[in-house]
Amino acid sequence: MIADPDCPFCAIVQRDDPDVREVYRDDQVVAFFPTEPAVLGHILIVPRTHVPFIWELRDEDAEHIGLLISRMSRVIVETIGAEGLNVIQSNGEVATQSVNHVHAHLVPRWTNDAIGRIWPPETHYSEHAKDEAWDALRGACRELRL
């Protein structure tokens, strides 16, 4: 596994942080409570290989993380009785990524929890701007071969 000696998540992957509350580990990922959870039951899922951004993940690692997100979400809801759940995955400082190691947050949600809304109440994009973004992305997606 490739590791970054300055990455706190790589230290967790290598079991170098005795304070970590790990909930799951396999040959590709580790899942654990963050030091400062947003709510009880908040879990981070990280690949064991140091990869800064989601677009740099190998397909097999992305598939494994996606499957684990689905399965672990079910475990969270069934085990602690969450009413809902946010899956948050940020990339880059502008997107609030604070550790440059791919990670997904599974955040259990309850009515009136401390988190509140995560989306703006409304946006004001012109139809022209939406069409331009749609056209660019639709064209680029035609090149994808899955």
N, C-alpha and C. Protein backbone atom coordinates (compact mmCIF):
# COMPACT_ATOMS: atom_id res chain seq x y z
N MET A 1 0.83 -1.18 0.00
CA MET A 1 0.00 0.00 0.00
C MET A 1 0.88 1.25 0.00
N ILE A 2 0.51 2.20 -0.83
CA ILE A 2 1.23 3.47 -0.88
C ILE A 2 0.72 4.36 0.25
N ALA A 3 1.65 4.96 1.02
CA ALA A 3 1.27 5.81 2.14
C ALA A 3 2.01 7.14 2.05
N ASP A 4 1.43 8.17 2.64
CA ASP A 4 2.05 9.48 2.77
C ASP A 4 2.38 9.66 4.25
N PRO A 5 3.66 9.83 4.60
CA PRO A 5 4.04 9.91 6.01
C PRO A 5 3.43 11.10 6.76
N ASP A 6 2.96 12.11 6.03
CA ASP A 6 2.36 13.28 6.67
C ASP A 6 0.84 13.22 6.72
N CYS A 7 0.24 12.13 6.25
CA CYS A 7 -1.21 12.02 6.15
C CYS A 7 -1.77 11.35 7.40
N PRO A 8 -2.69 12.02 8.11
CA PRO A 8 -3.27 11.40 9.30
C PRO A 8 -4.10 10.14 8.99
N PHE A 9 -4.70 10.06 7.81
CA PHE A 9 -5.46 8.87 7.46
C PHE A 9 -4.53 7.70 7.13
N CYS A 10 -3.37 7.98 6.55
CA CYS A 10 -2.39 6.92 6.32
C CYS A 10 -1.90 6.35 7.66
N ALA A 11 -1.76 7.21 8.68
CA ALA A 11 -1.37 6.73 10.01
C ALA A 11 -2.44 5.79 10.56
N ILE A 12 -3.70 6.11 10.33
CA ILE A 12 -4.79 5.24 10.78
C ILE A 12 -4.75 3.91 10.03
N VAL A 13 -4.57 3.98 8.72
CA VAL A 13 -4.48 2.77 7.91
C VAL A 13 -3.35 1.86 8.41
N GLN A 14 -2.24 2.48 8.81
CA GLN A 14 -1.08 1.72 9.28
C GLN A 14 -1.15 1.39 10.77
N ARG A 15 -2.30 1.70 11.39
CA ARG A 15 -2.55 1.43 12.81
C ARG A 15 -1.57 2.18 13.72
N ASP A 16 -1.20 3.41 13.30
CA ASP A 16 -0.27 4.22 14.08
C ASP A 16 -0.97 5.24 14.97
N ASP A 17 -2.29 5.18 15.08
CA ASP A 17 -3.03 6.12 15.92
C ASP A 17 -3.85 5.32 16.93
N PRO A 18 -3.39 5.25 18.18
CA PRO A 18 -4.06 4.41 19.18
C PRO A 18 -5.44 4.91 19.60
N ASP A 19 -5.78 6.15 19.27
CA ASP A 19 -7.06 6.73 19.69
C ASP A 19 -8.19 6.49 18.70
N VAL A 20 -7.91 5.80 17.60
CA VAL A 20 -8.92 5.61 16.56
C VAL A 20 -9.94 4.56 16.96
N ARG A 21 -11.20 4.89 16.72
CA ARG A 21 -12.29 3.94 16.96
C ARG A 21 -12.66 3.30 15.62
N GLU A 22 -11.92 2.27 15.28
CA GLU A 22 -12.11 1.59 14.00
C GLU A 22 -13.33 0.68 14.07
N VAL A 23 -14.14 0.69 12.99
CA VAL A 23 -15.32 -0.18 12.96
C VAL A 23 -15.22 -1.26 11.89
N TYR A 24 -14.33 -1.07 10.90
CA TYR A 24 -14.23 -2.06 9.82
C TYR A 24 -12.88 -1.91 9.13
N ARG A 25 -12.33 -3.03 8.69
CA ARG A 25 -11.07 -3.03 7.94
C ARG A 25 -11.06 -4.24 7.02
N ASP A 26 -10.62 -4.03 5.77
CA ASP A 26 -10.34 -5.14 4.87
C ASP A 26 -9.09 -4.79 4.09
N ASP A 27 -8.80 -5.52 3.02
CA ASP A 27 -7.54 -5.28 2.31
C ASP A 27 -7.54 -4.01 1.47
N GLN A 28 -8.69 -3.33 1.31
CA GLN A 28 -8.76 -2.12 0.49
C GLN A 28 -9.15 -0.86 1.25
N VAL A 29 -9.88 -0.99 2.35
CA VAL A 29 -10.40 0.18 3.05
C VAL A 29 -10.33 0.01 4.57
N VAL A 30 -10.44 1.16 5.25
CA VAL A 30 -10.61 1.19 6.69
C VAL A 30 -11.76 2.15 6.98
N ALA A 31 -12.62 1.79 7.94
CA ALA A 31 -13.73 2.66 8.35
C ALA A 31 -13.60 2.92 9.85
N PHE A 32 -13.80 4.19 10.24
CA PHE A 32 -13.57 4.57 11.63
C PHE A 32 -14.36 5.82 11.98
N PHE A 33 -14.51 6.08 13.27
CA PHE A 33 -15.13 7.31 13.74
C PHE A 33 -14.13 8.45 13.57
N PRO A 34 -14.57 9.61 13.10
CA PRO A 34 -13.67 10.77 13.11
C PRO A 34 -13.44 11.22 14.56
N THR A 35 -12.37 11.94 14.79
CA THR A 35 -12.06 12.43 16.13
C THR A 35 -13.17 13.32 16.67
N GLU A 36 -13.73 14.15 15.80
CA GLU A 36 -14.83 15.05 16.18
C GLU A 36 -16.06 14.72 15.32
N PRO A 37 -16.82 13.70 15.68
CA PRO A 37 -17.97 13.32 14.85
C PRO A 37 -19.03 14.41 14.82
N ALA A 38 -19.68 14.57 13.68
CA ALA A 38 -20.78 15.53 13.56
C ALA A 38 -21.96 15.09 14.41
N VAL A 39 -22.21 13.80 14.45
CA VAL A 39 -23.24 13.17 15.28
C VAL A 39 -22.70 11.80 15.69
N LEU A 40 -23.31 11.19 16.69
CA LEU A 40 -22.88 9.85 17.07
C LEU A 40 -23.20 8.87 15.94
N GLY A 41 -22.25 8.01 15.64
CA GLY A 41 -22.41 7.05 14.55
C GLY A 41 -21.79 7.51 13.24
N HIS A 42 -21.27 8.73 13.19
CA HIS A 42 -20.59 9.29 12.01
C HIS A 42 -19.35 8.44 11.73
N ILE A 43 -19.24 7.94 10.51
CA ILE A 43 -18.14 7.05 10.12
C ILE A 43 -17.44 7.61 8.88
N LEU A 44 -16.12 7.49 8.85
CA LEU A 44 -15.32 7.80 7.66
C LEU A 44 -14.87 6.50 7.03
N ILE A 45 -14.91 6.44 5.70
CA ILE A 45 -14.39 5.31 4.95
C ILE A 45 -13.24 5.83 4.10
N VAL A 46 -12.05 5.23 4.24
CA VAL A 46 -10.87 5.66 3.49
C VAL A 46 -10.22 4.47 2.80
N PRO A 47 -9.70 4.67 1.59
CA PRO A 47 -8.93 3.60 0.96
C PRO A 47 -7.61 3.43 1.70
N ARG A 48 -7.08 2.24 1.73
CA ARG A 48 -5.81 1.99 2.42
C ARG A 48 -4.63 2.57 1.66
N THR A 49 -4.78 2.77 0.36
CA THR A 49 -3.74 3.42 -0.44
C THR A 49 -3.98 4.92 -0.42
N HIS A 50 -2.90 5.70 -0.27
CA HIS A 50 -3.04 7.16 -0.25
C HIS A 50 -3.38 7.66 -1.65
N VAL A 51 -4.56 8.22 -1.78
CA VAL A 51 -5.05 8.83 -3.02
C VAL A 51 -5.70 10.14 -2.61
N PRO A 52 -5.21 11.29 -3.11
CA PRO A 52 -5.74 12.58 -2.67
C PRO A 52 -7.19 12.87 -3.09
N PHE A 53 -7.55 12.56 -4.33
CA PHE A 53 -8.84 12.98 -4.87
C PHE A 53 -9.58 11.81 -5.53
N ILE A 54 -10.90 11.88 -5.53
CA ILE A 54 -11.73 10.78 -6.03
C ILE A 54 -11.43 10.46 -7.50
N TRP A 55 -11.12 11.46 -8.29
CA TRP A 55 -10.87 11.21 -9.72
C TRP A 55 -9.54 10.49 -9.95
N GLU A 56 -8.75 10.30 -8.89
CA GLU A 56 -7.49 9.57 -9.00
C GLU A 56 -7.60 8.12 -8.52
N LEU A 57 -8.79 7.72 -8.04
CA LEU A 57 -8.98 6.35 -7.57
C LEU A 57 -8.94 5.35 -8.72
N ARG A 58 -8.39 4.19 -8.46
CA ARG A 58 -8.49 3.10 -9.43
C ARG A 58 -9.94 2.63 -9.42
N ASP A 59 -10.43 2.17 -10.56
CA ASP A 59 -11.83 1.75 -10.67
C ASP A 59 -12.20 0.70 -9.63
N GLU A 60 -11.33 -0.29 -9.41
CA GLU A 60 -11.66 -1.35 -8.46
C GLU A 60 -11.77 -0.81 -7.03
N ASP A 61 -10.97 0.21 -6.68
CA ASP A 61 -11.08 0.81 -5.35
C ASP A 61 -12.37 1.63 -5.24
N ALA A 62 -12.72 2.36 -6.30
CA ALA A 62 -13.96 3.14 -6.29
C ALA A 62 -15.17 2.21 -6.15
N GLU A 63 -15.16 1.09 -6.86
CA GLU A 63 -16.26 0.12 -6.77
C GLU A 63 -16.38 -0.44 -5.36
N HIS A 64 -15.26 -0.76 -4.76
CA HIS A 64 -15.26 -1.33 -3.41
C HIS A 64 -15.78 -0.31 -2.40
N ILE A 65 -15.32 0.92 -2.51
CA ILE A 65 -15.78 1.98 -1.60
C ILE A 65 -17.28 2.20 -1.77
N GLY A 66 -17.75 2.23 -3.00
CA GLY A 66 -19.18 2.42 -3.25
C GLY A 66 -20.02 1.31 -2.63
N LEU A 67 -19.58 0.08 -2.77
CA LEU A 67 -20.29 -1.06 -2.18
C LEU A 67 -20.28 -0.96 -0.66
N LEU A 68 -19.14 -0.59 -0.09
CA LEU A 68 -19.06 -0.49 1.36
C LEU A 68 -19.93 0.66 1.88
N ILE A 69 -19.99 1.77 1.15
CA ILE A 69 -20.88 2.87 1.54
C ILE A 69 -22.32 2.37 1.63
N SER A 70 -22.76 1.63 0.64
CA SER A 70 -24.12 1.10 0.65
C SER A 70 -24.35 0.16 1.82
N ARG A 71 -23.46 -0.79 2.01
CA ARG A 71 -23.64 -1.77 3.08
C ARG A 71 -23.51 -1.14 4.47
N MET A 72 -22.53 -0.26 4.65
CA MET A 72 -22.33 0.36 5.95
C MET A 72 -23.47 1.32 6.28
N SER A 73 -24.05 1.97 5.27
CA SER A 73 -25.21 2.83 5.50
C SER A 73 -26.36 2.02 6.08
N ARG A 74 -26.57 0.85 5.51
CA ARG A 74 -27.62 -0.05 6.02
C ARG A 74 -27.34 -0.43 7.47
N VAL A 75 -26.09 -0.75 7.78
CA VAL A 75 -25.70 -1.12 9.14
C VAL A 75 -25.98 0.05 10.09
N ILE A 76 -25.62 1.26 9.70
CA ILE A 76 -25.84 2.43 10.56
C ILE A 76 -27.32 2.62 10.85
N VAL A 77 -28.13 2.61 9.81
CA VAL A 77 -29.57 2.84 9.98
C VAL A 77 -30.18 1.74 10.85
N GLU A 78 -29.84 0.49 10.58
CA GLU A 78 -30.43 -0.61 11.33
C GLU A 78 -29.91 -0.72 12.76
N THR A 79 -28.66 -0.32 13.00
CA THR A 79 -28.06 -0.51 14.31
C THR A 79 -28.36 0.63 15.28
N ILE A 80 -28.28 1.87 14.80
CA ILE A 80 -28.49 2.98 15.73
C ILE A 80 -29.79 3.74 15.47
N GLY A 81 -30.58 3.26 14.54
CA GLY A 81 -31.91 3.83 14.32
C GLY A 81 -31.93 5.20 13.69
N ALA A 82 -30.96 5.50 12.85
CA ALA A 82 -30.96 6.80 12.17
C ALA A 82 -32.21 6.94 11.31
N GLU A 83 -32.75 8.15 11.25
CA GLU A 83 -33.93 8.43 10.43
C GLU A 83 -33.56 8.68 8.97
N GLY A 84 -32.32 9.02 8.75
CA GLY A 84 -31.80 9.29 7.42
C GLY A 84 -30.28 9.25 7.49
N LEU A 85 -29.63 9.59 6.38
CA LEU A 85 -28.17 9.51 6.35
C LEU A 85 -27.65 10.37 5.20
N ASN A 86 -26.60 11.15 5.46
CA ASN A 86 -25.89 11.86 4.40
C ASN A 86 -24.62 11.11 4.08
N VAL A 87 -24.32 10.99 2.79
CA VAL A 87 -23.02 10.52 2.34
C VAL A 87 -22.34 11.75 1.76
N ILE A 88 -21.22 12.14 2.37
CA ILE A 88 -20.52 13.36 1.96
C ILE A 88 -19.12 12.99 1.53
N GLN A 89 -18.74 13.41 0.33
CA GLN A 89 -17.41 13.12 -0.18
C GLN A 89 -16.92 14.38 -0.87
N SER A 90 -15.91 15.05 -0.31
CA SER A 90 -15.44 16.34 -0.81
C SER A 90 -14.04 16.21 -1.39
N ASN A 91 -13.75 17.04 -2.41
CA ASN A 91 -12.44 17.00 -3.06
C ASN A 91 -11.94 18.40 -3.30
N GLY A 92 -10.80 18.72 -2.73
CA GLY A 92 -10.20 20.04 -2.89
C GLY A 92 -10.60 20.97 -1.76
N GLU A 93 -9.74 21.91 -1.49
CA GLU A 93 -9.97 22.86 -0.40
C GLU A 93 -11.27 23.64 -0.58
N VAL A 94 -11.55 24.06 -1.81
CA VAL A 94 -12.77 24.83 -2.08
C VAL A 94 -14.04 24.02 -1.77
N ALA A 95 -13.92 22.71 -1.80
CA ALA A 95 -15.06 21.83 -1.51
C ALA A 95 -15.03 21.34 -0.05
N THR A 96 -14.23 21.96 0.77
CA THR A 96 -14.08 21.69 2.21
C THR A 96 -13.36 20.39 2.53
N GLN A 97 -12.54 19.88 1.62
CA GLN A 97 -11.73 18.71 1.94
C GLN A 97 -10.59 19.18 2.84
N SER A 98 -10.53 18.65 4.06
CA SER A 98 -9.51 19.09 5.01
C SER A 98 -8.33 18.13 5.10
N VAL A 99 -8.51 16.88 4.68
CA VAL A 99 -7.42 15.90 4.62
C VAL A 99 -7.35 15.41 3.18
N ASN A 100 -6.20 15.60 2.55
CA ASN A 100 -6.07 15.21 1.14
C ASN A 100 -5.77 13.72 0.99
N HIS A 101 -6.74 12.94 1.41
CA HIS A 101 -6.78 11.49 1.26
C HIS A 101 -8.26 11.19 1.04
N VAL A 102 -8.59 10.56 -0.06
CA VAL A 102 -10.01 10.30 -0.36
C VAL A 102 -10.70 9.72 0.87
N HIS A 103 -11.85 10.26 1.18
CA HIS A 103 -12.66 9.72 2.27
C HIS A 103 -14.12 10.08 2.07
N ALA A 104 -14.96 9.20 2.52
CA ALA A 104 -16.41 9.42 2.47
C ALA A 104 -16.93 9.45 3.90
N HIS A 105 -17.76 10.45 4.18
CA HIS A 105 -18.42 10.56 5.48
C HIS A 105 -19.79 9.90 5.38
N LEU A 106 -20.11 9.02 6.30
CA LEU A 106 -21.46 8.49 6.45
C LEU A 106 -21.99 9.13 7.73
N VAL A 107 -22.97 10.02 7.56
CA VAL A 107 -23.45 10.83 8.68
C VAL A 107 -24.91 10.50 8.96
N PRO A 108 -25.16 9.75 10.05
CA PRO A 108 -26.54 9.46 10.41
C PRO A 108 -27.27 10.76 10.72
N ARG A 109 -28.57 10.79 10.41
CA ARG A 109 -29.35 12.02 10.62
C ARG A 109 -30.63 11.71 11.37
N TRP A 110 -31.03 12.67 12.20
CA TRP A 110 -32.27 12.61 12.95
C TRP A 110 -32.96 13.96 12.84
N THR A 111 -34.26 13.98 12.98
CA THR A 111 -35.01 15.23 13.01
C THR A 111 -34.42 16.14 14.09
N ASN A 112 -34.19 17.39 13.73
CA ASN A 112 -33.68 18.40 14.66
C ASN A 112 -32.29 18.10 15.20
N ASP A 113 -31.45 17.36 14.44
CA ASP A 113 -30.07 17.17 14.89
C ASP A 113 -29.28 18.47 14.73
N ALA A 114 -28.05 18.48 15.19
CA ALA A 114 -27.24 19.70 15.21
C ALA A 114 -26.72 20.12 13.83
N ILE A 115 -26.88 19.28 12.82
CA ILE A 115 -26.29 19.57 11.52
C ILE A 115 -27.10 20.58 10.73
N GLY A 116 -28.38 20.40 10.67
CA GLY A 116 -29.21 21.33 9.89
C GLY A 116 -29.10 21.06 8.39
N ARG A 117 -29.49 22.06 7.60
CA ARG A 117 -29.47 21.92 6.14
C ARG A 117 -28.05 21.90 5.60
N ILE A 118 -27.82 21.13 4.55
CA ILE A 118 -26.50 21.14 3.92
C ILE A 118 -26.52 21.75 2.52
N TRP A 119 -27.70 22.11 2.02
CA TRP A 119 -27.83 22.71 0.69
C TRP A 119 -28.37 24.13 0.82
N PRO A 120 -28.01 25.01 -0.10
CA PRO A 120 -28.60 26.35 -0.06
C PRO A 120 -30.10 26.26 -0.32
N PRO A 121 -30.88 27.18 0.27
CA PRO A 121 -32.34 27.12 0.08
C PRO A 121 -32.76 27.30 -1.38
N GLU A 122 -31.99 28.07 -2.15
CA GLU A 122 -32.30 28.23 -3.57
C GLU A 122 -31.07 28.75 -4.31
N THR A 123 -31.08 28.60 -5.62
CA THR A 123 -30.01 29.14 -6.47
C THR A 123 -30.65 29.96 -7.58
N HIS A 124 -29.82 30.72 -8.29
CA HIS A 124 -30.34 31.61 -9.33
C HIS A 124 -29.50 31.52 -10.60
N TYR A 125 -29.46 30.34 -11.21
CA TYR A 125 -28.71 30.16 -12.46
C TYR A 125 -29.64 30.38 -13.64
N SER A 126 -29.15 31.06 -14.66
CA SER A 126 -29.97 31.29 -15.85
C SER A 126 -30.14 29.98 -16.61
N GLU A 127 -31.18 29.90 -17.40
CA GLU A 127 -31.39 28.72 -18.24
C GLU A 127 -30.23 28.56 -19.21
N HIS A 128 -29.69 29.66 -19.71
CA HIS A 128 -28.55 29.62 -20.63
C HIS A 128 -27.33 28.98 -19.92
N ALA A 129 -27.04 29.40 -18.70
CA ALA A 129 -25.90 28.84 -17.97
C ALA A 129 -26.10 27.35 -17.71
N LYS A 130 -27.32 26.96 -17.35
CA LYS A 130 -27.61 25.54 -17.12
C LYS A 130 -27.45 24.74 -18.41
N ASP A 131 -27.90 25.29 -19.53
CA ASP A 131 -27.76 24.60 -20.82
C ASP A 131 -26.30 24.45 -21.22
N GLU A 132 -25.49 25.47 -20.97
CA GLU A 132 -24.07 25.38 -21.31
C GLU A 132 -23.38 24.28 -20.50
N ALA A 133 -23.65 24.23 -19.20
CA ALA A 133 -23.05 23.20 -18.36
C ALA A 133 -23.54 21.81 -18.77
N TRP A 134 -24.84 21.72 -19.06
CA TRP A 134 -25.44 20.45 -19.49
C TRP A 134 -24.79 19.97 -20.78
N ASP A 135 -24.66 20.85 -21.76
CA ASP A 135 -24.08 20.48 -23.05
C ASP A 135 -22.63 20.01 -22.89
N ALA A 136 -21.84 20.74 -22.10
CA ALA A 136 -20.43 20.37 -21.91
C ALA A 136 -20.31 19.01 -21.23
N LEU A 137 -21.07 18.81 -20.18
CA LEU A 137 -20.98 17.55 -19.44
C LEU A 137 -21.56 16.38 -20.22
N ARG A 138 -22.67 16.63 -20.91
CA ARG A 138 -23.27 15.56 -21.70
C ARG A 138 -22.30 15.10 -22.78
N GLY A 139 -21.63 16.05 -23.44
CA GLY A 139 -20.65 15.70 -24.47
C GLY A 139 -19.48 14.91 -23.90
N ALA A 140 -18.97 15.34 -22.75
CA ALA A 140 -17.86 14.64 -22.13
C ALA A 140 -18.28 13.24 -21.67
N CYS A 141 -19.50 13.09 -21.20
CA CYS A 141 -19.97 11.78 -20.73
C CYS A 141 -20.18 10.80 -21.87
N ARG A 142 -20.39 11.29 -23.07
CA ARG A 142 -20.52 10.38 -24.23
C ARG A 142 -19.22 9.63 -24.48
N GLU A 143 -18.11 10.17 -23.98
CA GLU A 143 -16.81 9.54 -24.16
C GLU A 143 -16.56 8.43 -23.13
N LEU A 144 -17.35 8.40 -22.08
CA LEU A 144 -17.17 7.38 -21.04
C LEU A 144 -17.56 6.01 -21.58
N ARG A 145 -16.77 5.06 -21.24
CA ARG A 145 -17.08 3.67 -21.61
C ARG A 145 -16.98 2.83 -20.36
N LEU A 146 -18.11 2.45 -19.80
CA LEU A 146 -18.10 1.64 -18.57
C LEU A 146 -18.38 0.19 -18.87
